Amino acid sequence: MLRIAVPNKGSLSEPASQMLTEAGYRQRSDTRELVLADPDNDTEFFFLRPRDIAVYVGSGQLDVGITGEDLLLDSGADAEAILPLGFAGSTFRWAAMPGTISGIGDLTGKRIATAYPGVVQAWLSERGISASVIRLDGAVETSVRLGVADVIADVVSTGTTLRNAGLEIVGEPLLTSQAVLIQRTGTAASPRVEQLVRRLQGVIIARQYVLMDYDIPDELVERAVGITPGIESPTVSPLHERGWSAVRSMVKRRETNQVMDELWELGARGIIVTSIHACRL
């Protein structure tokens, strides 16, 4: 039986469960359920705190899990990412009072407050920078004003919260993170894990692409497939009406309307776009 750790709450929880549902796995209907069996897929799900997932997977108690790259690194667990999942993206930045820190070199000897001490300490160690790392839970932006720290390292989206606290972003990001599928370091993937990875990859690709069908005069087919080359090659079939062909191809979802405009201007007609729910490529 495949045992999978899934985030119980937080920003990772709902997207992870949604992706697993789209991959054909059963998911809970009651958020109070902490263990869920999926006999059709010979799989069992354990809903855990996101920060704990890497520890359970790294210890070998669970086969795989979904968590954030930042939480994996922060845990120090014996686990590794095997598939980026493309959601729950975040960026970690340095911030300090204006004029106090001009660059990364100024971090030496400073007090750094963060909710992710493992991430920060690993970054400092790799660069040979000696600084004091102070672990705080919750909002860390007030730590500088209260005199607990000189610098903070935190997840930043727009920077509004930092500016409201009188801080400014310093230097380049120390980490960009997203949700990942993890397993114990050095573990050979089992057939069921490989199946899970294929299913999740299918969901990821299906979310990025749509299926586009259109009719095009034969003499314009080569130019049309240049606009819609697909992932490998589009399907081209003759229509009942002589001189016309039907083309089917996968197109990146974000480029859908631009591609439709280009095809229409070229001479394509009957352009239809269909969502892809799952695929194997």
C-alpha atoms as a PDB file:
ATOM      1  CA  MET A   1       0.000   0.000   0.000  1.00  0.00           C
ATOM      2  CA  LEU A   2       1.223   3.493  -0.877  1.00  0.00           C
ATOM      3  CA  ARG A   3       1.175   5.899   2.086  1.00  0.00           C
ATOM      4  CA  ILE A   4       0.967   9.599   1.210  1.00  0.00           C
ATOM      5  CA  ALA A   5       1.249  12.625   3.524  1.00  0.00           C
ATOM      6  CA  VAL A   6      -1.025  15.528   2.599  1.00  0.00           C
ATOM      7  CA  PRO A   7      -1.146  18.988   4.247  1.00  0.00           C
ATOM      8  CA  ASN A   8      -4.008  19.120   6.744  1.00  0.00           C
ATOM      9  CA  LYS A   9      -4.465  22.902   6.634  1.00  0.00           C
ATOM     10  CA  GLY A  10      -2.964  26.101   5.313  1.00  0.00           C
ATOM     11  CA  SER A  11      -2.280  27.352   1.779  1.00  0.00           C
ATOM     12  CA  LEU A  12      -0.996  23.938   0.659  1.00  0.00           C
ATOM     13  CA  SER A  13      -3.994  21.894   1.789  1.00  0.00           C
ATOM     14  CA  GLU A  14      -6.765  22.636  -0.706  1.00  0.00           C
ATOM     15  CA  PRO A  15      -4.573  22.792  -3.849  1.00  0.00           C
ATOM     16  CA  ALA A  16      -2.866  19.521  -2.900  1.00  0.00           C
ATOM     17  CA  SER A  17      -6.169  17.707  -2.372  1.00  0.00           C
ATOM     18  CA  GLN A  18      -7.573  19.182  -5.589  1.00  0.00           C
ATOM     19  CA  MET A  19      -4.568  17.965  -7.581  1.00  0.00           C
ATOM     20  CA  LEU A  20      -4.835  14.477  -6.093  1.00  0.00           C
ATOM     21  CA  THR A  21      -8.549  14.402  -6.921  1.00  0.00           C
ATOM     22  CA  GLU A  22      -7.797  15.345 -10.535  1.00  0.00           C
ATOM     23  CA  ALA A  23      -5.166  12.591 -10.560  1.00  0.00           C
ATOM     24  CA  GLY A  24      -7.869  10.032  -9.756  1.00  0.00           C
ATOM     25  CA  TYR A  25      -7.354   9.573  -6.012  1.00  0.00           C
ATOM     26  CA  ARG A  26     -10.045   9.688  -3.379  1.00  0.00           C
ATOM     27  CA  GLN A  27      -9.905  12.681  -1.022  1.00  0.00           C
ATOM     28  CA  ARG A  28     -11.707  13.447   2.214  1.00  0.00           C
ATOM     29  CA  SER A  29     -15.065  15.215   2.400  1.00  0.00           C
ATOM     30  CA  ASP A  30     -14.697  15.998   6.117  1.00  0.00           C
ATOM     31  CA  THR A  31     -11.678  18.088   7.137  1.00  0.00           C
ATOM     32  CA  ARG A  32     -11.719  16.379  10.541  1.00  0.00           C
ATOM     33  CA  GLU A  33     -10.587  13.128   8.938  1.00  0.00           C
ATOM     34  CA  LEU A  34      -6.860  12.634   9.514  1.00  0.00           C
ATOM     35  CA  VAL A  35      -6.504   9.242   7.798  1.00  0.00           C
ATOM     36  CA  LEU A  36      -8.274   8.222   4.610  1.00  0.00           C
ATOM     37  CA  ALA A  37      -8.145   4.904   2.763  1.00  0.00           C
ATOM     38  CA  ASP A  38      -8.443   4.747  -1.027  1.00  0.00           C
ATOM     39  CA  PRO A  39      -8.831   0.991  -1.700  1.00  0.00           C
ATOM     40  CA  ASP A  40      -9.311   1.449  -5.459  1.00  0.00           C
ATOM     41  CA  ASN A  41      -5.749   2.788  -5.703  1.00  0.00           C
ATOM     42  CA  ASP A  42      -4.344   0.739  -2.801  1.00  0.00           C
ATOM     43  CA  THR A  43      -3.380   4.029  -1.156  1.00  0.00           C
ATOM     44  CA  GLU A  44      -3.720   5.560   2.293  1.00  0.00           C
ATOM     45  CA  PHE A  45      -3.603   9.311   2.980  1.00  0.00           C
ATOM     46  CA  PHE A  46      -2.408  10.916   6.194  1.00  0.00           C
ATOM     47  CA  PHE A  47      -3.374  14.563   6.724  1.00  0.00           C
ATOM     48  CA  LEU A  48      -0.600  16.240   8.711  1.00  0.00           C
ATOM     49  CA  ARG A  49       0.756  19.665   9.619  1.00  0.00           C
ATOM     50  CA  PRO A  50       2.724  20.884   6.576  1.00  0.00           C
ATOM     51  CA  ARG A  51       5.833  21.434   8.721  1.00  0.00           C
ATOM     52  CA  ASP A  52       5.766  17.802   9.902  1.00  0.00           C
ATOM     53  CA  ILE A  53       5.403  16.093   6.529  1.00  0.00           C
ATOM     54  CA  ALA A  54       9.100  16.113   5.615  1.00  0.00           C
ATOM     55  CA  VAL A  55       9.961  14.561   8.988  1.00  0.00           C
ATOM     56  CA  TYR A  56       7.533  11.655   8.537  1.00  0.00           C
ATOM     57  CA  VAL A  57       8.637  11.017   4.961  1.00  0.00           C
ATOM     58  CA  GLY A  58      12.323  11.390   5.814  1.00  0.00           C
ATOM     59  CA  SER A  59      11.993   8.854   8.630  1.00  0.00           C
ATOM     60  CA  GLY A  60      10.525   6.310   6.228  1.00  0.00           C
ATOM     61  CA  GLN A  61       7.191   6.089   8.075  1.00  0.00           C
ATOM     62  CA  LEU A  62       5.389   7.401   4.982  1.00  0.00           C
ATOM     63  CA  ASP A  63       6.334   6.805   1.341  1.00  0.00           C
ATOM     64  CA  VAL A  64       5.817  10.255  -0.146  1.00  0.00           C
ATOM     65  CA  GLY A  65       4.305  13.592   0.802  1.00  0.00           C
ATOM     66  CA  ILE A  66       3.310  16.996  -0.503  1.00  0.00           C
ATOM     67  CA  THR A  67       4.854  20.012   1.190  1.00  0.00           C
ATOM     68  CA  GLY A  68       6.664  23.256   0.372  1.00  0.00           C
ATOM     69  CA  GLU A  69      10.301  23.401  -0.708  1.00  0.00           C
ATOM     70  CA  ASP A  70      10.840  25.930   2.075  1.00  0.00           C
ATOM     71  CA  LEU A  71       9.380  23.583   4.704  1.00  0.00           C
ATOM     72  CA  LEU A  72      11.453  20.675   3.362  1.00  0.00           C
ATOM     73  CA  LEU A  73      14.671  22.668   3.636  1.00  0.00           C
ATOM     74  CA  ASP A  74      13.711  24.143   6.998  1.00  0.00           C
ATOM     75  CA  SER A  75      13.015  20.706   8.478  1.00  0.00           C
ATOM     76  CA  GLY A  76      16.484  19.309   7.857  1.00  0.00           C
ATOM     77  CA  ALA A  77      14.782  15.948   7.261  1.00  0.00           C
ATOM     78  CA  ASP A  78      16.341  13.159   5.207  1.00  0.00           C
ATOM     79  CA  ALA A  79      13.960  13.763   2.299  1.00  0.00           C
ATOM     80  CA  GLU A  80      14.210  15.163  -1.218  1.00  0.00           C
ATOM     81  CA  ALA A  81      11.905  16.698  -3.809  1.00  0.00           C
ATOM     82  CA  ILE A  82      11.054  14.430  -6.746  1.00  0.00           C
ATOM     83  CA  LEU A  83       8.436  16.537  -8.555  1.00  0.00           C
ATOM     84  CA  PRO A  84       7.646  20.285  -8.515  1.00  0.00           C
ATOM     85  CA  LEU A  85       3.866  20.756  -8.432  1.00  0.00           C
ATOM     86  CA  GLY A  86       3.509  24.343  -9.622  1.00  0.00           C
ATOM     87  CA  PHE A  87       1.380  25.858  -6.858  1.00  0.00           C
ATOM     88  CA  ALA A  88       1.893  27.669  -3.538  1.00  0.00           C
ATOM     89  CA  GLY A  89       4.790  29.711  -4.917  1.00  0.00           C
ATOM     90  CA  SER A  90       6.622  32.017  -2.511  1.00  0.00           C
ATOM     91  CA  THR A  91       9.726  34.194  -2.399  1.00  0.00           C
ATOM     92  CA  PHE A  92      11.936  34.734   0.653  1.00  0.00           C
ATOM     93  CA  ARG A  93      13.573  38.136   0.972  1.00  0.00           C
ATOM     94  CA  TRP A  94      15.758  40.047   3.407  1.00  0.00           C
ATOM     95  CA  ALA A  95      14.389  43.249   4.933  1.00  0.00           C
ATOM     96  CA  ALA A  96      15.731  45.854   7.350  1.00  0.00           C
ATOM     97  CA  MET A  97      15.299  49.475   8.395  1.00  0.00           C
ATOM     98  CA  PRO A  98      16.225  51.861   5.554  1.00  0.00           C
ATOM     99  CA  GLY A  99      19.921  52.684   5.459  1.00  0.00           C
ATOM    100  CA  THR A 100      21.021  49.995   7.916  1.00  0.00           C
ATOM    101  CA  ILE A 101      21.830  47.216   5.449  1.00  0.00           C
ATOM    102  CA  SER A 102      23.141  47.908   1.959  1.00  0.00           C
ATOM    103  CA  GLY A 103      23.862  44.356   0.812  1.00  0.00           C
ATOM    104  CA  ILE A 104      24.309  40.735   1.730  1.00  0.00           C
ATOM    105  CA  GLY A 105      27.838  41.387   2.989  1.00  0.00           C
ATOM    106  CA  ASP A 106      26.395  43.483   5.805  1.00  0.00           C
ATOM    107  CA  LEU A 107      24.646  40.441   7.339  1.00  0.00           C
ATOM    108  CA  THR A 108      27.813  39.368   9.191  1.00  0.00           C
ATOM    109  CA  GLY A 109      27.329  39.689  12.934  1.00  0.00           C
ATOM    110  CA  LYS A 110      23.686  40.741  12.597  1.00  0.00           C
ATOM    111  CA  ARG A 111      20.647  39.298  14.374  1.00  0.00           C
ATOM    112  CA  ILE A 112      18.253  37.769  11.830  1.00  0.00           C
ATOM    113  CA  ALA A 113      14.663  37.015  12.801  1.00  0.00           C
ATOM    114  CA  THR A 114      12.716  34.434  10.806  1.00  0.00           C
ATOM    115  CA  ALA A 115      10.062  31.743  11.052  1.00  0.00           C
ATOM    116  CA  TYR A 116      12.329  29.526   8.910  1.00  0.00           C
ATOM    117  CA  PRO A 117      15.643  29.196  10.775  1.00  0.00           C
ATOM    118  CA  GLY A 118      16.675  26.091   8.861  1.00  0.00           C
ATOM    119  CA  VAL A 119      16.347  27.890   5.520  1.00  0.00           C
ATOM    120  CA  VAL A 120      18.266  30.941   6.727  1.00  0.00           C
ATOM    121  CA  GLN A 121      21.021  29.015   8.510  1.00  0.00           C
ATOM    122  CA  ALA A 122      21.608  26.808   5.460  1.00  0.00           C
ATOM    123  CA  TRP A 123      21.870  29.887   3.226  1.00  0.00           C
ATOM    124  CA  LEU A 124      24.325  31.608   5.589  1.00  0.00           C
ATOM    125  CA  SER A 125      26.449  28.479   6.032  1.00  0.00           C
ATOM    126  CA  GLU A 126      26.786  27.957   2.285  1.00  0.00           C
ATOM    127  CA  ARG A 127      28.242  31.465   1.996  1.00  0.00           C
ATOM    128  CA  GLY A 128      30.358  31.401   5.126  1.00  0.00           C
ATOM    129  CA  ILE A 129      28.435  34.244   6.775  1.00  0.00           C
ATOM    130  CA  SER A 130      28.341  34.275  10.579  1.00  0.00           C
ATOM    131  CA  ALA A 131      25.144  35.747  12.025  1.00  0.00           C
ATOM    132  CA  SER A 132      22.672  35.044  14.836  1.00  0.00           C
ATOM    133  CA  VAL A 133      19.428  33.423  13.681  1.00  0.00           C
ATOM    134  CA  ILE A 134      16.432  34.072  15.904  1.00  0.00           C
ATOM    135  CA  ARG A 135      13.377  31.861  15.446  1.00  0.00           C
ATOM    136  CA  LEU A 136      10.008  33.573  15.753  1.00  0.00           C
ATOM    137  CA  ASP A 137       6.561  32.178  14.994  1.00  0.00           C
ATOM    138  CA  GLY A 138       4.050  34.351  13.224  1.00  0.00           C
ATOM    139  CA  ALA A 139       4.726  37.880  11.990  1.00  0.00           C
ATOM    140  CA  VAL A 140       8.420  38.711  12.195  1.00  0.00           C
ATOM    141  CA  GLU A 141       8.330  42.225  10.723  1.00  0.00           C
ATOM    142  CA  THR A 142       7.874  43.851  14.136  1.00  0.00           C
ATOM    143  CA  SER A 143      11.036  42.262  15.552  1.00  0.00           C
ATOM    144  CA  VAL A 144      13.323  45.008  14.207  1.00  0.00           C
ATOM    145  CA  ARG A 145      11.241  47.831  15.658  1.00  0.00           C
ATOM    146  CA  LEU A 146      11.107  46.052  19.017  1.00  0.00           C
ATOM    147  CA  GLY A 147      14.883  45.636  19.059  1.00  0.00           C
ATOM    148  CA  VAL A 148      14.911  41.846  18.898  1.00  0.00           C
ATOM    149  CA  ALA A 149      16.589  41.678  15.478  1.00  0.00           C
ATOM    150  CA  ASP A 150      18.507  43.781  12.960  1.00  0.00           C
ATOM    151  CA  VAL A 151      17.247  42.013   9.849  1.00  0.00           C
ATOM    152  CA  ILE A 152      14.350  39.721   8.990  1.00  0.00           C
ATOM    153  CA  ALA A 153      14.057  36.930   6.423  1.00  0.00           C
ATOM    154  CA  ASP A 154      10.454  36.312   5.433  1.00  0.00           C
ATOM    155  CA  VAL A 155       8.076  35.396   2.643  1.00  0.00           C
ATOM    156  CA  VAL A 156       7.355  38.479   0.556  1.00  0.00           C
ATOM    157  CA  SER A 157       4.656  38.941  -2.056  1.00  0.00           C
ATOM    158  CA  THR A 158       3.987  42.646  -2.625  1.00  0.00           C
ATOM    159  CA  GLY A 159       6.145  44.068   0.171  1.00  0.00           C
ATOM    160  CA  THR A 160       3.261  46.129   1.568  1.00  0.00           C
ATOM    161  CA  THR A 161       3.448  44.533   5.025  1.00  0.00           C
ATOM    162  CA  LEU A 162       7.170  45.269   5.230  1.00  0.00           C
ATOM    163  CA  ARG A 163       6.730  48.887   4.180  1.00  0.00           C
ATOM    164  CA  ASN A 164       3.967  49.340   6.742  1.00  0.00           C
ATOM    165  CA  ALA A 165       6.435  48.142   9.375  1.00  0.00           C
ATOM    166  CA  GLY A 166       9.020  50.681   8.197  1.00  0.00           C
ATOM    167  CA  LEU A 167      11.258  48.101   6.503  1.00  0.00           C
ATOM    168  CA  GLU A 168      12.734  47.875   3.022  1.00  0.00           C
ATOM    169  CA  ILE A 169      13.752  44.847   0.952  1.00  0.00           C
ATOM    170  CA  VAL A 170      17.502  44.272   0.714  1.00  0.00           C
ATOM    171  CA  GLY A 171      19.407  42.313  -1.926  1.00  0.00           C
ATOM    172  CA  GLU A 172      18.279  39.353  -4.015  1.00  0.00           C
ATOM    173  CA  PRO A 173      15.860  36.644  -2.785  1.00  0.00           C
ATOM    174  CA  LEU A 174      17.450  33.951  -0.665  1.00  0.00           C
ATOM    175  CA  LEU A 175      14.924  31.354  -1.808  1.00  0.00           C
ATOM    176  CA  THR A 176      12.008  30.818  -4.170  1.00  0.00           C
ATOM    177  CA  SER A 177       9.714  27.979  -3.187  1.00  0.00           C
ATOM    178  CA  GLN A 178       6.713  26.002  -4.404  1.00  0.00           C
ATOM    179  CA  ALA A 179       4.838  22.842  -3.473  1.00  0.00           C
ATOM    180  CA  VAL A 180       6.743  19.646  -4.212  1.00  0.00           C
ATOM    181  CA  LEU A 181       6.259  15.903  -3.981  1.00  0.00           C
ATOM    182  CA  ILE A 182       8.939  14.449  -1.703  1.00  0.00           C
ATOM    183  CA  GLN A 183      10.286  11.045  -0.745  1.00  0.00           C
ATOM    184  CA  ARG A 184      13.056   9.772   1.510  1.00  0.00           C
ATOM    185  CA  THR A 185      16.506  10.674   0.182  1.00  0.00           C
ATOM    186  CA  GLY A 186      18.031   7.977  -1.995  1.00  0.00           C
ATOM    187  CA  THR A 187      14.942   5.790  -2.051  1.00  0.00           C
ATOM    188  CA  ALA A 188      14.270   3.959  -5.314  1.00  0.00           C
ATOM    189  CA  ALA A 189      10.829   4.855  -6.608  1.00  0.00           C
ATOM    190  CA  SER A 190       8.340   1.992  -6.339  1.00  0.00           C
ATOM    191  CA  PRO A 191       5.879   1.245  -9.175  1.00  0.00           C
ATOM    192  CA  ARG A 192       3.092   2.936  -7.195  1.00  0.00           C
ATOM    193  CA  VAL A 193       5.184   6.061  -6.637  1.00  0.00           C
ATOM    194  CA  GLU A 194       6.043   6.132 -10.342  1.00  0.00           C
ATOM    195  CA  GLN A 195       2.325   5.837 -11.121  1.00  0.00           C
ATOM    196  CA  LEU A 196       1.561   8.726  -8.755  1.00  0.00           C
ATOM    197  CA  VAL A 197       4.241  10.865 -10.420  1.00  0.00           C
ATOM    198  CA  ARG A 198       2.857  10.109 -13.896  1.00  0.00           C
ATOM    199  CA  ARG A 199      -0.661  11.007 -12.789  1.00  0.00           C
ATOM    200  CA  LEU A 200       0.447  14.270 -11.196  1.00  0.00           C
ATOM    201  CA  GLN A 201       2.519  15.156 -14.256  1.00  0.00           C
ATOM    202  CA  GLY A 202      -0.587  14.559 -16.339  1.00  0.00           C
ATOM    203  CA  VAL A 203      -2.566  16.978 -14.175  1.00  0.00           C
ATOM    204  CA  ILE A 204       0.185  19.615 -14.341  1.00  0.00           C
ATOM    205  CA  ILE A 205       0.341  19.448 -18.134  1.00  0.00           C
ATOM    206  CA  ALA A 206      -3.458  19.393 -18.454  1.00  0.00           C
ATOM    207  CA  ARG A 207      -3.632  22.614 -16.441  1.00  0.00           C
ATOM    208  CA  GLN A 208      -1.100  24.304 -18.706  1.00  0.00           C
ATOM    209  CA  TYR A 209      -2.581  23.322 -22.075  1.00  0.00           C
ATOM    210  CA  VAL A 210      -5.862  23.259 -23.971  1.00  0.00           C
ATOM    211  CA  LEU A 211      -6.840  21.261 -27.051  1.00  0.00           C
ATOM    212  CA  MET A 212      -7.463  23.441 -30.109  1.00  0.00           C
ATOM    213  CA  ASP A 213      -9.321  22.272 -33.240  1.00  0.00           C
ATOM    214  CA  TYR A 214      -9.689  24.317 -36.404  1.00  0.00           C
ATOM    215  CA  ASP A 215     -10.287  24.037 -40.145  1.00  0.00           C
ATOM    216  CA  ILE A 216      -7.752  25.503 -42.569  1.00  0.00           C
ATOM    217  CA  PRO A 217      -7.293  25.568 -46.381  1.00  0.00           C
ATOM    218  CA  ASP A 218      -4.777  22.929 -47.476  1.00  0.00           C
ATOM    219  CA  GLU A 219      -2.351  25.475 -48.865  1.00  0.00           C
ATOM    220  CA  LEU A 220      -2.157  27.150 -45.421  1.00  0.00           C
ATOM    221  CA  VAL A 221      -1.662  24.002 -43.333  1.00  0.00           C
ATOM    222  CA  GLU A 222       2.117  24.365 -43.010  1.00  0.00           C
ATOM    223  CA  ARG A 223       1.835  27.976 -41.851  1.00  0.00           C
ATOM    224  CA  ALA A 224      -0.972  27.048 -39.446  1.00  0.00           C
ATOM    225  CA  VAL A 225       0.923  24.204 -37.783  1.00  0.00           C
ATOM    226  CA  GLY A 226       3.819  26.619 -37.396  1.00  0.00           C
ATOM    227  CA  ILE A 227       1.486  28.602 -35.115  1.00  0.00           C
ATOM    228  CA  THR A 228       0.227  25.453 -33.316  1.00  0.00           C
ATOM    229  CA  PRO A 229       3.129  22.962 -33.342  1.00  0.00           C
ATOM    230  CA  GLY A 230       1.786  21.136 -30.284  1.00  0.00           C
ATOM    231  CA  ILE A 231       3.992  19.190 -27.898  1.00  0.00           C
ATOM    232  CA  GLU A 232       5.100  16.592 -30.479  1.00  0.00           C
ATOM    233  CA  SER A 233       3.139  17.191 -33.681  1.00  0.00           C
ATOM    234  CA  PRO A 234      -0.453  18.241 -34.487  1.00  0.00           C
ATOM    235  CA  THR A 235      -2.995  15.887 -36.025  1.00  0.00           C
ATOM    236  CA  VAL A 236      -3.996  16.896 -39.574  1.00  0.00           C
ATOM    237  CA  SER A 237      -6.974  15.209 -41.258  1.00  0.00           C
ATOM    238  CA  PRO A 238      -8.682  15.917 -44.610  1.00  0.00           C
ATOM    239  CA  LEU A 239     -12.197  17.356 -44.470  1.00  0.00           C
ATOM    240  CA  HIS A 240     -15.104  16.124 -46.603  1.00  0.00           C
ATOM    241  CA  GLU A 241     -14.925  19.442 -48.455  1.00  0.00           C
ATOM    242  CA  ARG A 242     -11.970  19.254 -50.782  1.00  0.00           C
ATOM    243  CA  GLY A 243      -9.179  21.711 -50.262  1.00  0.00           C
ATOM    244  CA  TRP A 244      -9.636  21.935 -46.481  1.00  0.00           C
ATOM    245  CA  SER A 245      -8.026  20.129 -43.542  1.00  0.00           C
ATOM    246  CA  ALA A 246      -8.896  19.777 -39.870  1.00  0.00           C
ATOM    247  CA  VAL A 247      -6.067  20.374 -37.400  1.00  0.00           C
ATOM    248  CA  ARG A 248      -5.959  19.359 -33.731  1.00  0.00           C
ATOM    249  CA  SER A 249      -3.126  20.496 -31.462  1.00  0.00           C
ATOM    250  CA  MET A 250      -2.271  21.232 -27.829  1.00  0.00           C
ATOM    251  CA  VAL A 251      -1.788  24.944 -27.119  1.00  0.00           C
ATOM    252  CA  LYS A 252      -0.575  26.647 -23.968  1.00  0.00           C
ATOM    253  CA  ARG A 253      -3.605  27.850 -22.049  1.00  0.00           C
ATOM    254  CA  ARG A 254      -2.243  31.351 -21.439  1.00  0.00           C
ATOM    255  CA  GLU A 255      -1.668  31.818 -25.189  1.00  0.00           C
ATOM    256  CA  THR A 256      -5.122  30.622 -26.289  1.00  0.00           C
ATOM    257  CA  ASN A 257      -6.653  33.893 -27.456  1.00  0.00           C
ATOM    258  CA  GLN A 258      -3.478  35.130 -29.120  1.00  0.00           C
ATOM    259  CA  VAL A 259      -3.195  31.877 -31.092  1.00  0.00           C
ATOM    260  CA  MET A 260      -6.868  32.031 -32.081  1.00  0.00           C
ATOM    261  CA  ASP A 261      -6.368  35.581 -33.388  1.00  0.00           C
ATOM    262  CA  GLU A 262      -3.348  34.512 -35.452  1.00  0.00           C
ATOM    263  CA  LEU A 263      -5.172  31.511 -36.908  1.00  0.00           C
ATOM    264  CA  TRP A 264      -8.226  33.579 -37.815  1.00  0.00           C
ATOM    265  CA  GLU A 265      -6.092  36.190 -39.565  1.00  0.00           C
ATOM    266  CA  LEU A 266      -4.335  33.393 -41.464  1.00  0.00           C
ATOM    267  CA  GLY A 267      -7.654  31.978 -42.685  1.00  0.00           C
ATOM    268  CA  ALA A 268      -8.610  29.291 -40.195  1.00  0.00           C
ATOM    269  CA  ARG A 269     -12.276  28.823 -39.365  1.00  0.00           C
ATOM    270  CA  GLY A 270     -14.291  26.713 -36.914  1.00  0.00           C
ATOM    271  CA  ILE A 271     -11.745  27.259 -34.144  1.00  0.00           C
ATOM    272  CA  ILE A 272     -12.770  25.345 -31.013  1.00  0.00           C
ATOM    273  CA  VAL A 273     -10.955  25.174 -27.665  1.00  0.00           C
ATOM    274  CA  THR A 274     -11.459  22.280 -25.219  1.00  0.00           C
ATOM    275  CA  SER A 275     -10.102  21.912 -21.680  1.00  0.00           C
ATOM    276  CA  ILE A 276      -7.872  18.933 -20.905  1.00  0.00           C
ATOM    277  CA  HIS A 277      -8.649  17.210 -17.606  1.00  0.00           C
ATOM    278  CA  ALA A 278      -5.793  14.701 -17.638  1.00  0.00           C
ATOM    279  CA  CYS A 279      -3.211  13.351 -20.045  1.00  0.00           C
ATOM    280  CA  ARG A 280      -0.171  11.095 -20.419  1.00  0.00           C
ATOM    281  CA  LEU A 281       2.594  12.290 -22.711  1.00  0.00           C
END
